[in-house]
Amino acid sequence: RAGRLLTGADLDPESFRRLPDGSFWVGDEFG
């Protein structure tokens, strides 16, 4: 909401998949 960039302090992405529409779903470990 503050408009800042997400960084490695926010997320620990470990897995991802690309959908047919070109978007990506990412699995994170921090949540």
Full PDB file with SEQRES, HELIX, SHEET, SSBOND, CRYST1, ORIGX, SCALE, CONECT and MASTER records, all heavy atoms in Angstrom:
SEQRES   1 A   31  ARG ALA GLY ARG LEU LEU THR GLY ALA ASP LEU ASP PRO          
SEQRES   2 A   31  GLU SER PHE ARG ARG LEU PRO ASP GLY SER PHE TRP VAL          
SEQRES   3 A   31  GLY ASP GLU PHE GLY                                          
SHEET    1 AA1 2 PRO A  13  ARG A  18  0                                        
SHEET    2 AA1 2 PHE A  24  ASP A  28 -1                                        
CRYST1    1.000    1.000    1.000  90.00  90.00  90.00 P 1           1          
ORIGX1      1.000000  0.000000  0.000000        0.00000                         
ORIGX2      0.000000  1.000000  0.000000        0.00000                         
ORIGX3      0.000000  0.000000  1.000000        0.00000                         
SCALE1      1.000000  0.000000  0.000000        0.00000                         
SCALE2      0.000000  1.000000  0.000000        0.00000                         
SCALE3      0.000000  0.000000  1.000000        0.00000                         
ATOM      1  N   ARG A   1       0.829  -1.208   0.000  1.00  0.00           N  
ATOM      2  CA  ARG A   1       0.000   0.000   0.000  1.00  0.00           C  
ATOM      3  C   ARG A   1       0.856   1.247   0.000  1.00  0.00           C  
ATOM      4  O   ARG A   1       0.471   2.283  -0.545  1.00  0.00           O  
ATOM      5  CB  ARG A   1      -0.934  -0.008   1.215  1.00  0.00           C  
ATOM      6  CG  ARG A   1      -2.090  -0.998   1.100  1.00  0.00           C  
ATOM      7  CD  ARG A   1      -3.114  -0.755   2.204  1.00  0.00           C  
ATOM      8  NE  ARG A   1      -2.549  -1.017   3.522  1.00  0.00           N  
ATOM      9  CZ  ARG A   1      -2.601  -2.197   4.127  1.00  0.00           C  
ATOM     10  NH1 ARG A   1      -3.174  -3.224   3.518  1.00  0.00           N  
ATOM     11  NH2 ARG A   1      -2.086  -2.364   5.323  1.00  0.00           N  
ATOM     12  N   ALA A   2       2.041   1.163   0.609  1.00  0.00           N  
ATOM     13  CA  ALA A   2       2.928   2.328   0.660  1.00  0.00           C  
ATOM     14  C   ALA A   2       3.663   2.545  -0.657  1.00  0.00           C  
ATOM     15  O   ALA A   2       4.367   3.542  -0.811  1.00  0.00           O  
ATOM     16  CB  ALA A   2       3.935   2.154   1.792  1.00  0.00           C  
ATOM     17  N   GLY A   3       3.520   1.604  -1.578  1.00  0.00           N  
ATOM     18  CA  GLY A   3       4.152   1.770  -2.876  1.00  0.00           C  
ATOM     19  C   GLY A   3       5.609   1.394  -2.928  1.00  0.00           C  
ATOM     20  O   GLY A   3       6.290   1.656  -3.916  1.00  0.00           O  
ATOM     21  N   ARG A   4       6.127   0.775  -1.868  1.00  0.00           N  
ATOM     22  CA  ARG A   4       7.543   0.424  -1.870  1.00  0.00           C  
ATOM     23  C   ARG A   4       7.759  -0.923  -2.561  1.00  0.00           C  
ATOM     24  O   ARG A   4       6.842  -1.729  -2.693  1.00  0.00           O  
ATOM     25  CB  ARG A   4       8.099   0.388  -0.454  1.00  0.00           C  
ATOM     26  CG  ARG A   4       7.605  -0.767   0.402  1.00  0.00           C  
ATOM     27  CD  ARG A   4       8.286  -0.755   1.771  1.00  0.00           C  
ATOM     28  NE  ARG A   4       7.813  -1.817   2.636  1.00  0.00           N  
ATOM     29  CZ  ARG A   4       8.256  -3.070   2.597  1.00  0.00           C  
ATOM     30  NH1 ARG A   4       9.160  -3.415   1.697  1.00  0.00           N  
ATOM     31  NH2 ARG A   4       7.795  -3.979   3.422  1.00  0.00           N  
ATOM     32  N   LEU A   5       8.992  -1.177  -2.958  1.00  0.00           N  
ATOM     33  CA  LEU A   5       9.333  -2.440  -3.587  1.00  0.00           C  
ATOM     34  C   LEU A   5       9.449  -3.543  -2.541  1.00  0.00           C  
ATOM     35  O   LEU A   5       9.919  -3.312  -1.433  1.00  0.00           O  
ATOM     36  CB  LEU A   5      10.661  -2.319  -4.338  1.00  0.00           C  
ATOM     37  CG  LEU A   5      10.682  -1.366  -5.528  1.00  0.00           C  
ATOM     38  CD1 LEU A   5      12.096  -1.275  -6.093  1.00  0.00           C  
ATOM     39  CD2 LEU A   5       9.711  -1.821  -6.605  1.00  0.00           C  
ATOM     40  N   LEU A   6       9.022  -4.739  -2.928  1.00  0.00           N  
ATOM     41  CA  LEU A   6       9.228  -5.899  -2.074  1.00  0.00           C  
ATOM     42  C   LEU A   6      10.682  -6.343  -2.178  1.00  0.00           C  
ATOM     43  O   LEU A   6      11.294  -6.253  -3.236  1.00  0.00           O  
ATOM     44  CB  LEU A   6       8.311  -7.040  -2.503  1.00  0.00           C  
ATOM     45  CG  LEU A   6       6.809  -6.779  -2.362  1.00  0.00           C  
ATOM     46  CD1 LEU A   6       6.022  -7.914  -2.989  1.00  0.00           C  
ATOM     47  CD2 LEU A   6       6.421  -6.602  -0.908  1.00  0.00           C  
ATOM     48  N   THR A   7      11.236  -6.813  -1.073  1.00  0.00           N  
ATOM     49  CA  THR A   7      12.636  -7.225  -1.048  1.00  0.00           C  
ATOM     50  C   THR A   7      12.757  -8.603  -0.396  1.00  0.00           C  
ATOM     51  O   THR A   7      11.768  -9.196   0.037  1.00  0.00           O  
ATOM     52  CB  THR A   7      13.498  -6.229  -0.242  1.00  0.00           C  
ATOM     53  OG1 THR A   7      13.220  -6.407   1.156  1.00  0.00           O  
ATOM     54  CG2 THR A   7      13.209  -4.793  -0.655  1.00  0.00           C  
ATOM     55  N   GLY A   8      13.995  -9.073  -0.281  1.00  0.00           N  
ATOM     56  CA  GLY A   8      14.252 -10.336   0.382  1.00  0.00           C  
ATOM     57  C   GLY A   8      13.939 -10.330   1.858  1.00  0.00           C  
ATOM     58  O   GLY A   8      13.912 -11.385   2.492  1.00  0.00           O  
ATOM     59  N   ALA A   9      13.721  -9.163   2.438  1.00  0.00           N  
ATOM     60  CA  ALA A   9      13.308  -9.098   3.838  1.00  0.00           C  
ATOM     61  C   ALA A   9      11.817  -9.382   3.996  1.00  0.00           C  
ATOM     62  O   ALA A   9      11.349  -9.665   5.093  1.00  0.00           O  
ATOM     63  CB  ALA A   9      13.625  -7.718   4.416  1.00  0.00           C  
ATOM     64  N   ASP A  10      11.062  -9.289   2.897  1.00  0.00           N  
ATOM     65  CA  ASP A  10       9.627  -9.519   2.938  1.00  0.00           C  
ATOM     66  C   ASP A  10       9.253 -10.950   2.576  1.00  0.00           C  
ATOM     67  O   ASP A  10       8.319 -11.521   3.126  1.00  0.00           O  
ATOM     68  CB  ASP A  10       8.916  -8.589   1.949  1.00  0.00           C  
ATOM     69  CG  ASP A  10       9.151  -7.124   2.250  1.00  0.00           C  
ATOM     70  OD1 ASP A  10       8.600  -6.657   3.264  1.00  0.00           O  
ATOM     71  OD2 ASP A  10       9.874  -6.457   1.484  1.00  0.00           O  
ATOM     72  N   LEU A  11       9.970 -11.504   1.611  1.00  0.00           N  
ATOM     73  CA  LEU A  11       9.590 -12.784   1.028  1.00  0.00           C  
ATOM     74  C   LEU A  11      10.803 -13.693   0.895  1.00  0.00           C  
ATOM     75  O   LEU A  11      11.921 -13.226   0.705  1.00  0.00           O  
ATOM     76  CB  LEU A  11       8.980 -12.588  -0.368  1.00  0.00           C  
ATOM     77  CG  LEU A  11       7.831 -11.588  -0.507  1.00  0.00           C  
ATOM     78  CD1 LEU A  11       7.515 -11.368  -1.978  1.00  0.00           C  
ATOM     79  CD2 LEU A  11       6.615 -12.084   0.236  1.00  0.00           C  
ATOM     80  N   ASP A  12      10.526 -14.990   0.975  1.00  0.00           N  
ATOM     81  CA  ASP A  12      11.558 -15.985   0.684  1.00  0.00           C  
ATOM     82  C   ASP A  12      10.974 -16.920  -0.381  1.00  0.00           C  
ATOM     83  O   ASP A  12      10.462 -17.993  -0.064  1.00  0.00           O  
ATOM     84  CB  ASP A  12      11.932 -16.754   1.949  1.00  0.00           C  
ATOM     85  CG  ASP A  12      13.067 -17.751   1.707  1.00  0.00           C  
ATOM     86  OD1 ASP A  12      13.644 -17.723   0.602  1.00  0.00           O  
ATOM     87  OD2 ASP A  12      13.348 -18.548   2.603  1.00  0.00           O  
ATOM     88  N   PRO A  13      11.022 -16.501  -1.644  1.00  0.00           N  
ATOM     89  CA  PRO A  13      10.401 -17.307  -2.709  1.00  0.00           C  
ATOM     90  C   PRO A  13      11.204 -18.570  -2.982  1.00  0.00           C  
ATOM     91  O   PRO A  13      12.405 -18.513  -3.217  1.00  0.00           O  
ATOM     92  CB  PRO A  13      10.402 -16.367  -3.915  1.00  0.00           C  
ATOM     93  CG  PRO A  13      11.525 -15.416  -3.654  1.00  0.00           C  
ATOM     94  CD  PRO A  13      11.603 -15.260  -2.166  1.00  0.00           C  
ATOM     95  N   GLU A  14      10.531 -19.719  -2.945  1.00  0.00           N  
ATOM     96  CA  GLU A  14      11.208 -20.996  -3.123  1.00  0.00           C  
ATOM     97  C   GLU A  14      10.680 -21.787  -4.314  1.00  0.00           C  
ATOM     98  O   GLU A  14      11.308 -22.760  -4.724  1.00  0.00           O  
ATOM     99  CB  GLU A  14      11.061 -21.844  -1.852  1.00  0.00           C  
ATOM    100  CG  GLU A  14      11.811 -21.306  -0.648  1.00  0.00           C  
ATOM    101  CD  GLU A  14      13.315 -21.498  -0.760  1.00  0.00           C  
ATOM    102  OE1 GLU A  14      13.763 -22.254  -1.642  1.00  0.00           O  
ATOM    103  OE2 GLU A  14      14.049 -20.882   0.041  1.00  0.00           O  
ATOM    104  N   SER A  15       9.533 -21.417  -4.849  1.00  0.00           N  
ATOM    105  CA  SER A  15       8.955 -22.179  -5.950  1.00  0.00           C  
ATOM    106  C   SER A  15       8.034 -21.256  -6.742  1.00  0.00           C  
ATOM    107  O   SER A  15       7.450 -20.320  -6.186  1.00  0.00           O  
ATOM    108  CB  SER A  15       8.163 -23.378  -5.415  1.00  0.00           C  
ATOM    109  OG  SER A  15       7.272 -22.976  -4.383  1.00  0.00           O  
ATOM    110  N   PHE A  16       7.939 -21.495  -8.036  1.00  0.00           N  
ATOM    111  CA  PHE A  16       7.038 -20.665  -8.831  1.00  0.00           C  
ATOM    112  C   PHE A  16       6.562 -21.435 -10.056  1.00  0.00           C  
ATOM    113  O   PHE A  16       7.231 -22.351 -10.540  1.00  0.00           O  
ATOM    114  CB  PHE A  16       7.693 -19.348  -9.243  1.00  0.00           C  
ATOM    115  CG  PHE A  16       8.778 -19.479 -10.275  1.00  0.00           C  
ATOM    116  CD1 PHE A  16       8.510 -19.293 -11.629  1.00  0.00           C  
ATOM    117  CD2 PHE A  16      10.078 -19.784  -9.905  1.00  0.00           C  
ATOM    118  CE1 PHE A  16       9.505 -19.415 -12.576  1.00  0.00           C  
ATOM    119  CE2 PHE A  16      11.088 -19.906 -10.848  1.00  0.00           C  
ATOM    120  CZ  PHE A  16      10.799 -19.716 -12.189  1.00  0.00           C  
ATOM    121  N   ARG A  17       5.385 -21.035 -10.552  1.00  0.00           N  
ATOM    122  CA  ARG A  17       4.810 -21.620 -11.767  1.00  0.00           C  
ATOM    123  C   ARG A  17       4.204 -20.517 -12.615  1.00  0.00           C  
ATOM    124  O   ARG A  17       3.574 -19.586 -12.104  1.00  0.00           O  
ATOM    125  CB  ARG A  17       3.735 -22.658 -11.433  1.00  0.00           C  
ATOM    126  CG  ARG A  17       4.254 -23.869 -10.683  1.00  0.00           C  
ATOM    127  CD  ARG A  17       5.202 -24.713 -11.508  1.00  0.00           C  
ATOM    128  NE  ARG A  17       5.860 -25.727 -10.695  1.00  0.00           N  
ATOM    129  CZ  ARG A  17       6.801 -26.539 -11.150  1.00  0.00           C  
ATOM    130  NH1 ARG A  17       7.185 -26.464 -12.418  1.00  0.00           N  
ATOM    131  NH2 ARG A  17       7.358 -27.427 -10.357  1.00  0.00           N  
ATOM    132  N   ARG A  18       4.401 -20.647 -13.909  1.00  0.00           N  
ATOM    133  CA  ARG A  18       3.844 -19.690 -14.868  1.00  0.00           C  
ATOM    134  C   ARG A  18       2.527 -20.217 -15.404  1.00  0.00           C  
ATOM    135  O   ARG A  18       2.452 -21.340 -15.891  1.00  0.00           O  
ATOM    136  CB  ARG A  18       4.828 -19.458 -16.012  1.00  0.00           C  
ATOM    137  CG  ARG A  18       4.396 -18.415 -17.026  1.00  0.00           C  
ATOM    138  CD  ARG A  18       5.479 -18.226 -18.073  1.00  0.00           C  
ATOM    139  NE  ARG A  18       5.170 -17.179 -19.023  1.00  0.00           N  
ATOM    140  CZ  ARG A  18       4.505 -17.367 -20.159  1.00  0.00           C  
ATOM    141  NH1 ARG A  18       4.104 -18.582 -20.484  1.00  0.00           N  
ATOM    142  NH2 ARG A  18       4.258 -16.364 -20.973  1.00  0.00           N  
ATOM    143  N   LEU A  19       1.476 -19.392 -15.327  1.00  0.00           N  
ATOM    144  CA  LEU A  19       0.159 -19.772 -15.811  1.00  0.00           C  
ATOM    145  C   LEU A  19       0.010 -19.440 -17.291  1.00  0.00           C  
ATOM    146  O   LEU A  19       0.792 -18.664 -17.848  1.00  0.00           O  
ATOM    147  CB  LEU A  19      -0.931 -19.069 -15.005  1.00  0.00           C  
ATOM    148  CG  LEU A  19      -1.457 -19.871 -13.798  1.00  0.00           C  
ATOM    149  CD1 LEU A  19      -0.357 -20.140 -12.793  1.00  0.00           C  
ATOM    150  CD2 LEU A  19      -2.650 -19.191 -13.163  1.00  0.00           C  
ATOM    151  N   PRO A  20      -0.996 -20.019 -17.958  1.00  0.00           N  
ATOM    152  CA  PRO A  20      -1.194 -19.743 -19.389  1.00  0.00           C  
ATOM    153  C   PRO A  20      -1.360 -18.267 -19.723  1.00  0.00           C  
ATOM    154  O   PRO A  20      -1.039 -17.836 -20.834  1.00  0.00           O  
ATOM    155  CB  PRO A  20      -2.468 -20.535 -19.718  1.00  0.00           C  
ATOM    156  CG  PRO A  20      -2.454 -21.675 -18.749  1.00  0.00           C  
ATOM    157  CD  PRO A  20      -1.908 -21.091 -17.479  1.00  0.00           C  
ATOM    158  N   ASP A  21      -1.836 -17.448 -18.765  1.00  0.00           N  
ATOM    159  CA  ASP A  21      -2.013 -16.015 -19.044  1.00  0.00           C  
ATOM    160  C   ASP A  21      -0.721 -15.224 -18.893  1.00  0.00           C  
ATOM    161  O   ASP A  21      -0.712 -14.007 -19.067  1.00  0.00           O  
ATOM    162  CB  ASP A  21      -3.101 -15.429 -18.150  1.00  0.00           C  
ATOM    163  CG  ASP A  21      -2.742 -15.451 -16.658  1.00  0.00           C  
ATOM    164  OD1 ASP A  21      -1.614 -15.860 -16.305  1.00  0.00           O  
ATOM    165  OD2 ASP A  21      -3.605 -15.055 -15.841  1.00  0.00           O  
ATOM    166  N   GLY A  22       0.380 -15.910 -18.579  1.00  0.00           N  
ATOM    167  CA  GLY A  22       1.667 -15.240 -18.446  1.00  0.00           C  
ATOM    168  C   GLY A  22       1.994 -14.775 -17.044  1.00  0.00           C  
ATOM    169  O   GLY A  22       3.124 -14.348 -16.789  1.00  0.00           O  
ATOM    170  N   SER A  23       1.045 -14.845 -16.128  1.00  0.00           N  
ATOM    171  CA  SER A  23       1.318 -14.452 -14.749  1.00  0.00           C  
ATOM    172  C   SER A  23       2.001 -15.595 -14.008  1.00  0.00           C  
ATOM    173  O   SER A  23       2.046 -16.736 -14.478  1.00  0.00           O  
ATOM    174  CB  SER A  23       0.025 -14.046 -14.035  1.00  0.00           C  
ATOM    175  OG  SER A  23      -0.844 -15.160 -13.893  1.00  0.00           O  
ATOM    176  N   PHE A  24       2.524 -15.274 -12.825  1.00  0.00           N  
ATOM    177  CA  PHE A  24       3.271 -16.254 -12.029  1.00  0.00           C  
ATOM    178  C   PHE A  24       2.651 -16.386 -10.640  1.00  0.00           C  
ATOM    179  O   PHE A  24       2.269 -15.395 -10.025  1.00  0.00           O  
ATOM    180  CB  PHE A  24       4.731 -15.817 -11.860  1.00  0.00           C  
ATOM    181  CG  PHE A  24       5.538 -15.875 -13.118  1.00  0.00           C  
ATOM    182  CD1 PHE A  24       5.583 -14.787 -13.981  1.00  0.00           C  
ATOM    183  CD2 PHE A  24       6.256 -17.015 -13.451  1.00  0.00           C  
ATOM    184  CE1 PHE A  24       6.335 -14.836 -15.147  1.00  0.00           C  
ATOM    185  CE2 PHE A  24       7.008 -17.071 -14.616  1.00  0.00           C  
ATOM    186  CZ  PHE A  24       7.049 -15.972 -15.456  1.00  0.00           C  
ATOM    187  N   TRP A  25       2.597 -17.616 -10.158  1.00  0.00           N  
ATOM    188  CA  TRP A  25       2.296 -17.879  -8.757  1.00  0.00           C  
ATOM    189  C   TRP A  25       3.574 -18.339  -8.081  1.00  0.00           C  
ATOM    190  O   TRP A  25       4.310 -19.181  -8.612  1.00  0.00           O  
ATOM    191  CB  TRP A  25       1.207 -18.929  -8.609  1.00  0.00           C  
ATOM    192  CG  TRP A  25      -0.159 -18.371  -8.866  1.00  0.00           C  
ATOM    193  CD1 TRP A  25      -0.814 -18.298 -10.059  1.00  0.00           C  
ATOM    194  CD2 TRP A  25      -1.030 -17.782  -7.901  1.00  0.00           C  
ATOM    195  NE1 TRP A  25      -2.037 -17.702  -9.908  1.00  0.00           N  
ATOM    196  CE2 TRP A  25      -2.205 -17.380  -8.587  1.00  0.00           C  
ATOM    197  CE3 TRP A  25      -0.945 -17.565  -6.525  1.00  0.00           C  
ATOM    198  CZ2 TRP A  25      -3.272 -16.763  -7.945  1.00  0.00           C  
ATOM    199  CZ3 TRP A  25      -2.012 -16.958  -5.874  1.00  0.00           C  
ATOM    200  CH2 TRP A  25      -3.165 -16.566  -6.575  1.00  0.00           C  
ATOM    201  N   VAL A  26       3.848 -17.778  -6.910  1.00  0.00           N  
ATOM    202  CA  VAL A  26       5.088 -18.036  -6.192  1.00  0.00           C  
ATOM    203  C   VAL A  26       4.769 -18.584  -4.814  1.00  0.00           C  
ATOM    204  O   VAL A  26       3.867 -18.085  -4.120  1.00  0.00           O  
ATOM    205  CB  VAL A  26       5.925 -16.742  -6.070  1.00  0.00           C  
ATOM    206  CG1 VAL A  26       7.144 -16.960  -5.171  1.00  0.00           C  
ATOM    207  CG2 VAL A  26       6.354 -16.255  -7.448  1.00  0.00           C  
ATOM    208  N   GLY A  27       5.507 -19.613  -4.411  1.00  0.00           N  
ATOM    209  CA  GLY A  27       5.395 -20.155  -3.060  1.00  0.00           C  
ATOM    210  C   GLY A  27       6.478 -19.567  -2.179  1.00  0.00           C  
ATOM    211  O   GLY A  27       7.656 -19.605  -2.523  1.00  0.00           O  
ATOM    212  N   ASP A  28       6.085 -19.027  -1.031  1.00  0.00           N  
ATOM    213  CA  ASP A  28       6.995 -18.315  -0.125  1.00  0.00           C  
ATOM    214  C   ASP A  28       7.137 -19.084   1.186  1.00  0.00           C  
ATOM    215  O   ASP A  28       6.237 -19.825   1.590  1.00  0.00           O  
ATOM    216  CB  ASP A  28       6.425 -16.915   0.142  1.00  0.00           C  
ATOM    217  CG  ASP A  28       6.874 -16.335   1.466  1.00  0.00           C  
ATOM    218  OD1 ASP A  28       7.980 -15.783   1.523  1.00  0.00           O  
ATOM    219  OD2 ASP A  28       6.116 -16.471   2.450  1.00  0.00           O  
ATOM    220  N   GLU A  29       8.266 -18.869   1.877  1.00  0.00           N  
ATOM    221  CA  GLU A  29       8.501 -19.536   3.152  1.00  0.00           C  
ATOM    222  C   GLU A  29       8.269 -18.642   4.360  1.00  0.00           C  
ATOM    223  O   GLU A  29       8.091 -19.146   5.465  1.00  0.00           O  
ATOM    224  CB  GLU A  29       9.938 -20.081   3.197  1.00  0.00           C  
ATOM    225  CG  GLU A  29      10.137 -21.276   2.294  1.00  0.00           C  
ATOM    226  CD  GLU A  29      11.353 -22.097   2.667  1.00  0.00           C  
ATOM    227  OE1 GLU A  29      12.397 -21.510   3.009  1.00  0.00           O  
ATOM    228  OE2 GLU A  29      11.245 -23.328   2.620  1.00  0.00           O  
ATOM    229  N   PHE A  30       8.280 -17.322   4.209  1.00  0.00           N  
ATOM    230  CA  PHE A  30       8.159 -16.446   5.364  1.00  0.00           C  
ATOM    231  C   PHE A  30       6.752 -16.423   5.942  1.00  0.00           C  
ATOM    232  O   PHE A  30       6.588 -16.199   7.141  1.00  0.00           O  
ATOM    233  CB  PHE A  30       8.583 -15.024   5.004  1.00  0.00           C  
ATOM    234  CG  PHE A  30      10.071 -14.805   5.005  1.00  0.00           C  
ATOM    235  CD1 PHE A  30      10.609 -13.591   4.598  1.00  0.00           C  
ATOM    236  CD2 PHE A  30      10.942 -15.797   5.409  1.00  0.00           C  
ATOM    237  CE1 PHE A  30      11.985 -13.380   4.588  1.00  0.00           C  
ATOM    238  CE2 PHE A  30      12.318 -15.599   5.410  1.00  0.00           C  
ATOM    239  CZ  PHE A  30      12.840 -14.380   4.994  1.00  0.00           C  
ATOM    240  N   GLY A  31       5.726 -16.614   5.121  1.00  0.00           N  
ATOM    241  CA  GLY A  31       4.355 -16.611   5.621  1.00  0.00           C  
ATOM    242  C   GLY A  31       3.985 -17.899   6.359  1.00  0.00           C  
ATOM    243  O   GLY A  31       3.738 -17.874   7.552  1.00  0.00           O  
TER     244      GLY A  31                                                      
MASTER        0    0    0    0    2    0    0    6  243    1    0    3          
END                                                                             
